[in-house]
Amino acid sequence: MFLNTTRVSMCPPDGPSPIAKPRLVSCPNCGGDSVYALSNPHRPFCSERCRKMDLGAWASESFRVPAEAPPDDQEFGDPKLQ
């Protein structure tokens, strides 16, 4: 078994850019543009306000994972024990 030791460069053929453009992503809260870089302490949110609104939604349990509850006549617990 032989391992491939060839390195793949992720840089463009003319070399790395001296000034990288900041990556813009959509803010999860408002949908506006947000800079996804170390210069934005609220990433991936665009502002402290959007970050706090999202935290508040989680704290108030506005975000929930959908789950199907068993029928009222079925017992809870391990189905193997039923």
C-alpha atoms as a PDB file:
ATOM      1  CA  MET A   1       0.000   0.000   0.000  1.00  0.00           C
ATOM      2  CA  PHE A   2       1.440   3.339  -1.049  1.00  0.00           C
ATOM      3  CA  LEU A   3       0.390   6.741   0.226  1.00  0.00           C
ATOM      4  CA  ASN A   4       0.022   9.631  -2.148  1.00  0.00           C
ATOM      5  CA  THR A   5       2.324  12.371  -0.869  1.00  0.00           C
ATOM      6  CA  THR A   6       1.465  14.918  -3.576  1.00  0.00           C
ATOM      7  CA  ARG A   7       0.447  18.250  -2.076  1.00  0.00           C
ATOM      8  CA  VAL A   8      -2.497  20.134  -3.492  1.00  0.00           C
ATOM      9  CA  SER A   9      -2.253  23.913  -3.376  1.00  0.00           C
ATOM     10  CA  MET A  10      -5.443  25.864  -2.668  1.00  0.00           C
ATOM     11  CA  CYS A  11      -3.858  29.086  -3.976  1.00  0.00           C
ATOM     12  CA  PRO A  12      -4.611  30.434  -7.444  1.00  0.00           C
ATOM     13  CA  PRO A  13      -1.967  29.668 -10.107  1.00  0.00           C
ATOM     14  CA  ASP A  14      -0.500  33.170  -9.851  1.00  0.00           C
ATOM     15  CA  GLY A  15       0.108  32.775  -6.096  1.00  0.00           C
ATOM     16  CA  PRO A  16      -1.769  33.860  -2.987  1.00  0.00           C
ATOM     17  CA  SER A  17      -3.418  37.240  -2.982  1.00  0.00           C
ATOM     18  CA  PRO A  18      -1.569  39.739  -0.755  1.00  0.00           C
ATOM     19  CA  ILE A  19      -4.888  41.286   0.306  1.00  0.00           C
ATOM     20  CA  ALA A  20      -7.626  38.711   0.844  1.00  0.00           C
ATOM     21  CA  LYS A  21     -11.196  39.891   0.378  1.00  0.00           C
ATOM     22  CA  PRO A  22     -13.322  39.425   3.484  1.00  0.00           C
ATOM     23  CA  ARG A  23     -15.886  36.669   3.167  1.00  0.00           C
ATOM     24  CA  LEU A  24     -19.452  37.963   3.231  1.00  0.00           C
ATOM     25  CA  VAL A  25     -22.142  35.681   4.599  1.00  0.00           C
ATOM     26  CA  SER A  26     -25.817  36.177   5.251  1.00  0.00           C
ATOM     27  CA  CYS A  27     -26.668  37.105   8.848  1.00  0.00           C
ATOM     28  CA  PRO A  28     -28.754  34.247  10.319  1.00  0.00           C
ATOM     29  CA  ASN A  29     -31.038  36.730  12.069  1.00  0.00           C
ATOM     30  CA  CYS A  30     -31.757  39.583   9.660  1.00  0.00           C
ATOM     31  CA  GLY A  31     -30.403  38.197   6.386  1.00  0.00           C
ATOM     32  CA  GLY A  32     -28.145  41.184   5.779  1.00  0.00           C
ATOM     33  CA  ASP A  33     -24.490  41.003   4.793  1.00  0.00           C
ATOM     34  CA  SER A  34     -22.080  40.032   7.536  1.00  0.00           C
ATOM     35  CA  VAL A  35     -18.276  39.939   7.372  1.00  0.00           C
ATOM     36  CA  TYR A  36     -17.078  36.485   8.408  1.00  0.00           C
ATOM     37  CA  ALA A  37     -13.612  37.374   9.674  1.00  0.00           C
ATOM     38  CA  LEU A  38     -11.760  37.915  12.923  1.00  0.00           C
ATOM     39  CA  SER A  39     -12.481  41.630  12.556  1.00  0.00           C
ATOM     40  CA  ASN A  40     -16.185  40.930  13.274  1.00  0.00           C
ATOM     41  CA  PRO A  41     -16.527  39.830  16.922  1.00  0.00           C
ATOM     42  CA  HIS A  42     -20.212  38.946  16.361  1.00  0.00           C
ATOM     43  CA  ARG A  43     -19.684  36.540  13.423  1.00  0.00           C
ATOM     44  CA  PRO A  44     -21.705  35.016  11.842  1.00  0.00           C
ATOM     45  CA  PHE A  45     -24.094  37.793  12.891  1.00  0.00           C
ATOM     46  CA  CYS A  46     -23.816  41.293  11.473  1.00  0.00           C
ATOM     47  CA  SER A  47     -24.117  43.098  14.816  1.00  0.00           C
ATOM     48  CA  GLU A  48     -24.355  42.678  18.563  1.00  0.00           C
ATOM     49  CA  ARG A  49     -28.097  43.319  18.297  1.00  0.00           C
ATOM     50  CA  CYS A  50     -28.654  40.371  15.936  1.00  0.00           C
ATOM     51  CA  ARG A  51     -26.442  38.148  18.093  1.00  0.00           C
ATOM     52  CA  LYS A  52     -28.437  39.007  21.226  1.00  0.00           C
ATOM     53  CA  MET A  53     -31.785  38.562  19.464  1.00  0.00           C
ATOM     54  CA  ASP A  54     -30.719  35.047  18.428  1.00  0.00           C
ATOM     55  CA  LEU A  55     -29.544  34.242  21.961  1.00  0.00           C
ATOM     56  CA  GLY A  56     -32.868  35.490  23.331  1.00  0.00           C
ATOM     57  CA  ALA A  57     -34.783  33.262  20.912  1.00  0.00           C
ATOM     58  CA  TRP A  58     -32.830  30.223  22.124  1.00  0.00           C
ATOM     59  CA  ALA A  59     -33.296  31.247  25.777  1.00  0.00           C
ATOM     60  CA  SER A  60     -37.064  31.628  25.360  1.00  0.00           C
ATOM     61  CA  GLU A  61     -37.173  28.255  23.561  1.00  0.00           C
ATOM     62  CA  SER A  62     -38.497  29.777  20.329  1.00  0.00           C
ATOM     63  CA  PHE A  63     -36.255  27.352  18.434  1.00  0.00           C
ATOM     64  CA  ARG A  64     -37.377  23.769  18.899  1.00  0.00           C
ATOM     65  CA  VAL A  65     -36.534  20.448  17.360  1.00  0.00           C
ATOM     66  CA  PRO A  66     -39.710  18.916  15.937  1.00  0.00           C
ATOM     67  CA  ALA A  67     -40.580  15.657  17.653  1.00  0.00           C
ATOM     68  CA  GLU A  68     -43.547  13.369  17.485  1.00  0.00           C
ATOM     69  CA  ALA A  69     -45.046  12.560  20.864  1.00  0.00           C
ATOM     70  CA  PRO A  70     -46.376   9.038  21.372  1.00  0.00           C
ATOM     71  CA  PRO A  71     -50.155   8.646  21.513  1.00  0.00           C
ATOM     72  CA  ASP A  72     -51.755   9.143  24.934  1.00  0.00           C
ATOM     73  CA  ASP A  73     -52.572   5.455  25.255  1.00  0.00           C
ATOM     74  CA  GLN A  74     -48.941   4.395  24.667  1.00  0.00           C
ATOM     75  CA  GLU A  75     -46.509   4.295  27.567  1.00  0.00           C
ATOM     76  CA  PHE A  76     -43.240   6.202  27.569  1.00  0.00           C
ATOM     77  CA  GLY A  77     -39.903   4.480  27.878  1.00  0.00           C
ATOM     78  CA  ASP A  78     -38.072   1.659  26.219  1.00  0.00           C
ATOM     79  CA  PRO A  79     -40.281  -0.021  23.577  1.00  0.00           C
ATOM     80  CA  LYS A  80     -38.583  -3.373  24.305  1.00  0.00           C
ATOM     81  CA  LEU A  81     -40.096  -3.341  27.807  1.00  0.00           C
ATOM     82  CA  GLN A  82     -43.659  -2.822  26.553  1.00  0.00           C
END
